[in-house]
N, C-alpha and C. Protein backbone atom coordinates (compact mmCIF):
# COMPACT_ATOMS: atom_id res chain seq x y z
N UNK A 1 -26.66 -94.59 -7.04
CA UNK A 1 -26.31 -93.94 -5.95
C UNK A 1 -26.09 -94.16 -4.54
N UNK A 2 -25.09 -93.58 -3.96
CA UNK A 2 -24.90 -94.13 -2.43
C UNK A 2 -25.60 -93.54 -1.70
N UNK A 3 -26.03 -94.63 -0.71
CA UNK A 3 -26.83 -94.34 0.45
C UNK A 3 -26.34 -93.39 1.24
N UNK A 4 -27.20 -93.26 1.82
CA UNK A 4 -26.91 -91.95 3.28
C UNK A 4 -25.75 -92.86 4.15
N UNK A 5 -26.19 -93.79 4.37
CA UNK A 5 -25.26 -94.55 5.40
C UNK A 5 -24.02 -94.42 4.79
N UNK A 6 -23.43 -94.64 3.70
CA UNK A 6 -22.19 -95.33 3.20
C UNK A 6 -21.41 -93.62 2.98
N UNK A 7 -22.29 -92.67 2.94
CA UNK A 7 -21.79 -91.36 2.93
C UNK A 7 -21.45 -91.14 4.23
N UNK A 8 -22.22 -91.19 5.10
CA UNK A 8 -22.12 -91.29 6.79
C UNK A 8 -20.47 -91.92 6.84
N UNK A 9 -20.40 -93.17 6.76
CA UNK A 9 -19.63 -93.67 6.61
C UNK A 9 -18.06 -93.57 6.30
N UNK A 10 -18.07 -93.01 5.22
CA UNK A 10 -16.70 -92.31 4.18
C UNK A 10 -16.71 -90.96 5.10
N UNK A 11 -17.33 -90.34 5.36
CA UNK A 11 -17.24 -88.78 6.20
C UNK A 11 -16.41 -89.22 7.43
N UNK A 12 -17.30 -90.24 8.20
CA UNK A 12 -16.56 -90.60 9.44
C UNK A 12 -15.16 -91.08 9.26
N UNK A 13 -14.88 -91.92 8.30
CA UNK A 13 -13.48 -92.36 8.01
C UNK A 13 -12.74 -91.10 8.06
N UNK A 14 -13.25 -90.30 6.99
CA UNK A 14 -12.33 -89.13 6.72
C UNK A 14 -11.80 -88.49 7.81
N UNK A 15 -12.65 -88.28 8.75
CA UNK A 15 -12.25 -87.14 10.11
C UNK A 15 -11.73 -87.91 10.56
N UNK A 16 -11.85 -89.09 11.06
CA UNK A 16 -11.04 -90.36 11.59
C UNK A 16 -9.47 -90.37 11.17
N UNK A 17 -9.37 -90.37 10.09
CA UNK A 17 -8.04 -90.09 9.25
C UNK A 17 -7.47 -89.02 9.75
N UNK A 18 -8.10 -88.17 9.44
CA UNK A 18 -7.91 -86.31 9.65
C UNK A 18 -7.18 -86.30 11.22
N UNK A 19 -8.16 -86.85 12.53
CA UNK A 19 -7.49 -86.56 13.68
C UNK A 19 -6.06 -87.50 13.88
N UNK A 20 -5.99 -88.64 12.82
CA UNK A 20 -4.84 -89.18 13.51
C UNK A 20 -3.67 -88.76 12.56
N UNK A 21 -4.06 -88.12 11.66
CA UNK A 21 -3.00 -87.72 10.71
C UNK A 21 -2.26 -85.75 11.37
N UNK A 22 -3.50 -85.27 12.09
CA UNK A 22 -3.15 -84.43 13.30
C UNK A 22 -2.50 -84.70 14.25
N UNK A 23 -2.59 -85.67 14.59
CA UNK A 23 -2.37 -86.57 16.15
C UNK A 23 -0.53 -87.12 16.15
N UNK A 24 -0.56 -87.79 15.05
CA UNK A 24 0.88 -88.01 14.66
C UNK A 24 1.77 -87.09 14.18
N UNK A 25 1.33 -86.29 13.55
CA UNK A 25 1.98 -85.03 12.69
C UNK A 25 2.73 -84.33 14.17
N UNK A 26 1.84 -84.44 15.04
CA UNK A 26 1.85 -83.38 16.49
C UNK A 26 3.18 -84.11 17.30
N UNK A 27 2.68 -85.57 17.58
CA UNK A 27 3.57 -86.08 18.40
C UNK A 27 4.83 -86.75 17.80
N UNK A 28 4.87 -86.76 16.27
CA UNK A 28 6.42 -86.60 15.93
C UNK A 28 6.74 -86.10 15.98
N UNK A 29 6.19 -84.57 15.93
CA UNK A 29 7.15 -83.33 16.04
C UNK A 29 7.53 -83.02 17.31
N UNK A 30 7.10 -83.31 18.35
CA UNK A 30 7.37 -83.46 19.62
C UNK A 30 8.79 -84.28 19.97
N UNK A 31 8.71 -85.47 19.16
CA UNK A 31 9.46 -86.38 19.74
C UNK A 31 10.82 -86.02 18.73
N UNK A 32 10.81 -85.60 17.66
CA UNK A 32 12.13 -85.50 17.16
C UNK A 32 12.78 -84.06 16.99
N UNK A 33 11.65 -83.39 17.60
CA UNK A 33 12.57 -81.74 17.19
C UNK A 33 13.59 -81.66 18.69
N UNK A 34 14.56 -80.87 18.27
CA UNK A 34 15.35 -81.35 19.77
C UNK A 34 15.11 -79.72 20.42
N UNK A 35 15.32 -78.31 19.69
CA UNK A 35 15.17 -77.45 20.98
C UNK A 35 13.65 -77.06 20.25
N UNK A 36 12.57 -77.26 21.13
CA UNK A 36 11.33 -77.47 21.07
C UNK A 36 10.79 -76.17 21.31
N UNK A 37 10.19 -74.95 20.98
CA UNK A 37 9.23 -73.92 21.59
C UNK A 37 8.15 -73.69 21.51
N UNK A 38 7.69 -72.61 22.27
CA UNK A 38 6.14 -72.87 22.28
C UNK A 38 5.77 -72.01 21.07
N UNK A 39 6.62 -71.29 20.27
CA UNK A 39 6.06 -70.58 19.22
C UNK A 39 6.10 -71.74 18.05
N UNK A 40 7.27 -72.61 18.42
CA UNK A 40 7.38 -73.84 17.06
C UNK A 40 6.15 -74.53 17.10
N UNK A 41 5.76 -74.51 18.44
CA UNK A 41 4.73 -75.59 18.74
C UNK A 41 3.53 -74.99 18.34
N UNK A 42 3.14 -73.87 18.27
CA UNK A 42 1.67 -73.31 18.14
C UNK A 42 1.88 -72.93 16.17
N UNK A 43 2.99 -73.02 16.08
CA UNK A 43 3.24 -73.23 14.50
C UNK A 43 2.62 -74.62 13.77
N UNK A 44 3.17 -75.52 14.48
CA UNK A 44 2.90 -76.58 13.89
C UNK A 44 1.29 -76.84 13.79
N UNK A 45 0.65 -76.81 15.16
CA UNK A 45 -0.54 -77.12 15.53
C UNK A 45 -1.21 -76.13 14.38
N UNK A 46 -1.02 -74.83 14.17
CA UNK A 46 -1.54 -74.37 13.35
C UNK A 46 -1.52 -75.04 12.00
N UNK A 47 -0.27 -75.50 11.57
CA UNK A 47 -0.18 -75.64 10.27
C UNK A 47 -1.18 -77.19 10.14
N UNK A 48 -0.94 -77.94 10.81
CA UNK A 48 -1.77 -79.04 11.56
C UNK A 48 -3.34 -79.09 10.84
N UNK A 49 -3.68 -78.05 11.64
CA UNK A 49 -5.03 -77.60 11.96
C UNK A 49 -5.94 -77.15 10.42
N UNK A 50 -4.96 -76.62 9.75
CA UNK A 50 -5.69 -76.16 8.10
C UNK A 50 -6.34 -77.55 7.54
N UNK A 51 -5.41 -78.77 7.60
CA UNK A 51 -5.99 -80.39 7.05
C UNK A 51 -7.10 -80.50 7.72
N UNK A 52 -7.13 -80.80 9.40
CA UNK A 52 -8.08 -81.06 10.52
C UNK A 52 -9.75 -79.98 10.41
N UNK A 53 -9.26 -78.91 10.09
CA UNK A 53 -10.71 -78.17 9.58
C UNK A 53 -10.82 -78.01 8.08
N UNK A 54 -10.40 -79.18 7.02
CA UNK A 54 -10.88 -79.06 5.87
C UNK A 54 -11.99 -80.37 5.78
N UNK A 55 -11.73 -80.83 6.95
CA UNK A 55 -12.81 -82.16 6.95
C UNK A 55 -13.64 -81.68 8.03
N UNK A 56 -15.11 -81.95 7.89
CA UNK A 56 -16.19 -81.74 8.63
C UNK A 56 -16.00 -82.68 9.74
N UNK A 57 -16.51 -82.13 11.13
CA UNK A 57 -16.47 -82.75 12.45
C UNK A 57 -18.15 -83.83 12.41
N UNK A 58 -17.32 -84.98 12.97
CA UNK A 58 -18.42 -85.99 12.89
C UNK A 58 -18.35 -86.49 14.65
N UNK A 59 -19.42 -86.64 15.14
CA UNK A 59 -19.56 -87.55 16.28
C UNK A 59 -18.93 -88.52 16.34
N UNK A 60 -18.54 -89.22 17.04
CA UNK A 60 -17.48 -90.19 17.26
C UNK A 60 -17.81 -90.98 18.56
N UNK A 61 -18.28 -92.13 18.53
CA UNK A 61 -18.90 -92.92 19.82
C UNK A 61 -17.90 -94.20 20.24
N UNK A 62 -17.01 -94.47 19.33
CA UNK A 62 -15.84 -95.68 19.67
C UNK A 62 -15.06 -95.11 20.94
N UNK A 63 -14.71 -95.60 21.60
CA UNK A 63 -14.08 -95.18 23.02
C UNK A 63 -12.71 -94.68 22.53
N UNK A 64 -11.63 -95.64 21.91
CA UNK A 64 -10.16 -94.72 20.96
C UNK A 64 -10.18 -94.25 20.81
N UNK A 65 -11.28 -93.91 19.71
CA UNK A 65 -11.49 -92.99 19.00
C UNK A 65 -11.84 -91.42 19.42
N UNK A 66 -12.86 -92.03 20.72
CA UNK A 66 -13.33 -90.44 21.77
C UNK A 66 -11.78 -90.03 22.44
N UNK A 67 -11.12 -90.96 22.57
CA UNK A 67 -9.93 -90.38 23.73
C UNK A 67 -9.36 -90.18 22.74
N UNK A 68 -9.18 -90.47 20.99
CA UNK A 68 -8.14 -89.54 20.20
C UNK A 68 -8.33 -88.16 20.19
N UNK A 69 -9.96 -88.02 20.09
CA UNK A 69 -10.67 -86.75 19.79
C UNK A 69 -10.11 -85.71 20.60
N UNK A 70 -10.42 -86.43 21.84
CA UNK A 70 -9.88 -85.67 23.18
C UNK A 70 -8.41 -85.16 23.44
N UNK A 71 -7.57 -86.04 22.52
CA UNK A 71 -5.98 -85.52 22.71
C UNK A 71 -6.06 -84.49 21.77
N UNK A 72 -6.47 -84.66 20.53
CA UNK A 72 -6.38 -83.60 19.47
C UNK A 72 -7.02 -82.21 19.98
N UNK A 73 -7.98 -82.10 20.78
CA UNK A 73 -8.23 -81.05 21.49
C UNK A 73 -7.51 -80.34 22.58
N UNK A 74 -6.74 -81.10 23.45
CA UNK A 74 -6.02 -81.06 24.28
C UNK A 74 -4.95 -80.29 23.51
N UNK A 75 -4.36 -81.11 22.38
CA UNK A 75 -3.04 -80.57 21.75
C UNK A 75 -3.73 -79.02 21.38
N UNK A 76 -4.62 -78.58 20.45
CA UNK A 76 -5.03 -77.61 20.23
C UNK A 76 -5.24 -76.85 21.35
N UNK A 77 -5.70 -77.00 22.56
CA UNK A 77 -5.96 -75.89 23.74
C UNK A 77 -4.96 -75.42 23.94
N UNK A 78 -3.68 -76.33 24.07
CA UNK A 78 -2.56 -76.41 24.70
C UNK A 78 -1.62 -75.13 23.81
N UNK A 79 -2.59 -74.76 22.85
CA UNK A 79 -1.65 -73.47 22.17
C UNK A 79 -1.48 -72.24 22.67
N UNK A 80 -2.84 -72.28 23.73
CA UNK A 80 -3.40 -70.67 24.45
C UNK A 80 -2.58 -70.97 26.18
N UNK A 81 -2.38 -72.24 26.30
CA UNK A 81 -2.07 -72.44 27.63
C UNK A 81 -0.64 -71.61 28.19
N UNK A 82 -0.72 -71.50 29.43
CA UNK A 82 0.42 -70.97 30.21
C UNK A 82 1.51 -71.68 30.57
N UNK A 83 1.07 -72.94 30.33
CA UNK A 83 2.15 -74.16 30.51
C UNK A 83 3.51 -73.87 30.11
N UNK A 84 4.63 -74.41 30.80
CA UNK A 84 6.00 -74.80 30.17
C UNK A 84 6.03 -75.55 28.80
N UNK A 85 6.60 -75.37 27.89
CA UNK A 85 6.68 -75.98 26.71
C UNK A 85 6.80 -77.97 27.02
N UNK A 86 8.07 -78.01 27.99
CA UNK A 86 8.14 -79.50 28.64
C UNK A 86 7.11 -79.83 29.21
N UNK A 87 6.49 -79.39 30.11
CA UNK A 87 5.26 -79.73 30.68
C UNK A 87 4.42 -80.65 29.60
N UNK A 88 3.84 -79.47 28.42
CA UNK A 88 3.19 -79.76 27.32
C UNK A 88 3.05 -80.87 26.39
N UNK A 89 4.81 -81.04 26.54
CA UNK A 89 5.39 -81.94 25.34
C UNK A 89 4.92 -83.70 26.24
N UNK A 90 5.42 -83.38 27.36
CA UNK A 90 5.23 -84.71 28.39
C UNK A 90 4.10 -85.06 28.39
N UNK A 91 2.92 -84.51 28.80
CA UNK A 91 1.67 -84.27 29.06
C UNK A 91 1.09 -85.04 27.59
N UNK A 92 1.20 -84.30 26.28
CA UNK A 92 1.05 -84.91 25.23
C UNK A 92 1.26 -86.37 25.08
N UNK A 93 2.55 -86.57 25.36
CA UNK A 93 3.38 -87.87 24.60
C UNK A 93 2.71 -88.92 25.54
N UNK A 94 2.70 -88.59 26.65
CA UNK A 94 1.83 -89.61 27.99
C UNK A 94 0.92 -89.57 27.59
N UNK A 95 0.08 -88.85 27.10
CA UNK A 95 -2.08 -89.46 26.82
C UNK A 95 -1.89 -90.07 25.62
N UNK A 96 -0.79 -90.04 24.76
CA UNK A 96 -0.56 -90.73 23.56
C UNK A 96 -0.21 -92.00 23.85
N UNK A 97 1.00 -91.90 24.36
CA UNK A 97 1.25 -93.63 24.86
C UNK A 97 0.34 -94.38 25.76
N UNK A 98 -0.57 -93.72 26.10
CA UNK A 98 -1.73 -94.43 27.10
C UNK A 98 -2.55 -94.98 26.14
N UNK A 99 -3.12 -94.18 24.99
CA UNK A 99 -4.20 -94.74 24.28
C UNK A 99 -3.45 -95.90 23.27
N UNK A 100 -2.20 -95.68 22.88
CA UNK A 100 -1.56 -96.98 22.03
C UNK A 100 -1.51 -98.02 23.20
N UNK A 101 -1.20 -97.77 24.30
CA UNK A 101 -1.17 -99.06 25.17
C UNK A 101 -2.65 -99.95 25.14
N UNK A 102 -3.55 -99.13 25.12
CA UNK A 102 -4.84 -99.54 25.70
C UNK A 102 -5.15 -100.03 24.17
N UNK A 103 -4.77 -99.42 22.76
CA UNK A 103 -5.06 -100.11 21.79
C UNK A 103 -4.48 -101.34 21.56
N UNK A 104 -2.96 -101.66 21.96
CA UNK A 104 -2.31 -102.74 21.92
C UNK A 104 -2.78 -104.21 22.81
N UNK A 105 -3.41 -103.48 23.74
CA UNK A 105 -3.93 -104.43 25.06
C UNK A 105 -4.92 -105.33 24.23
N UNK A 106 -5.92 -104.72 23.88
CA UNK A 106 -6.62 -105.24 22.98
C UNK A 106 -6.45 -106.45 21.71
N UNK A 107 -5.57 -105.78 21.23
CA UNK A 107 -4.84 -106.49 19.55
C UNK A 107 -4.14 -107.78 20.28
N UNK A 108 -3.56 -107.27 21.51
CA UNK A 108 -2.53 -109.05 21.54
C UNK A 108 -2.97 -109.70 22.94
N UNK A 109 -3.29 -110.97 22.87
CA UNK A 109 -3.48 -111.50 23.97
C UNK A 109 -3.12 -112.07 24.72
N UNK A 110 -2.12 -112.19 25.88
CA UNK A 110 -1.27 -113.36 26.30
C UNK A 110 -1.79 -114.42 26.81
N UNK A 111 -1.41 -115.54 26.33
CA UNK A 111 -2.04 -117.03 27.01
C UNK A 111 -1.25 -116.75 28.21
N UNK A 112 -2.09 -117.14 28.93
CA UNK A 112 -2.12 -117.16 31.05
C UNK A 112 -1.05 -118.29 30.81
N UNK A 113 -1.25 -119.59 30.50
CA UNK A 113 -0.59 -120.79 30.89
C UNK A 113 0.11 -121.32 29.39
N UNK A 114 0.41 -120.58 28.52
CA UNK A 114 1.08 -121.01 27.51
C UNK A 114 1.74 -122.31 27.36
N UNK A 115 2.55 -122.86 28.42
CA UNK A 115 3.42 -123.94 28.33
C UNK A 115 2.31 -125.02 28.12
N UNK A 116 1.13 -124.82 28.94
CA UNK A 116 0.34 -126.24 29.05
C UNK A 116 -0.50 -126.61 27.92
N UNK A 117 -0.34 -125.80 26.39
CA UNK A 117 -0.84 -126.14 25.65
C UNK A 117 -0.03 -127.38 24.62
N UNK A 118 1.31 -127.36 25.53
CA UNK A 118 1.88 -128.41 24.40
C UNK A 118 2.18 -129.89 25.95
N UNK A 119 1.28 -129.62 26.70
CA UNK A 119 1.27 -130.71 27.69
C UNK A 119 0.86 -132.21 26.98
N UNK A 120 -0.21 -131.87 25.88
CA UNK A 120 -0.79 -133.60 25.10
C UNK A 120 0.38 -133.99 24.37
N UNK A 121 1.47 -133.11 24.20
CA UNK A 121 2.43 -133.79 23.11
C UNK A 121 3.50 -134.50 24.36
N UNK A 122 3.78 -134.78 25.64
CA UNK A 122 4.43 -135.18 25.47
C UNK A 122 4.26 -136.74 26.06
């Protein structure tokens, strides 16, 4: 029998994957669709929400994931906003890009004095 912690972890992972899937679906839609309309955007969000709603919402504590959660909430809230679709697109893509940048900044660490590691070979 699985422990409660293992069950919680699997539920959390499932929720995180659903958030990521929702976010990726919307951003790729915004990036690839030529003539975006507010109706098309709302329809896409509604379809993506079906998947997200199948998964139980779970509290997330990690910074990047909290940001992802905020972005998803913002995407959903934009359906009812009276903002122009281009403004919505620009904002969502901008905050998504900022999230990717923070993730990548931690993933890759640039050597400050990269040439100095070879000094001893001379």
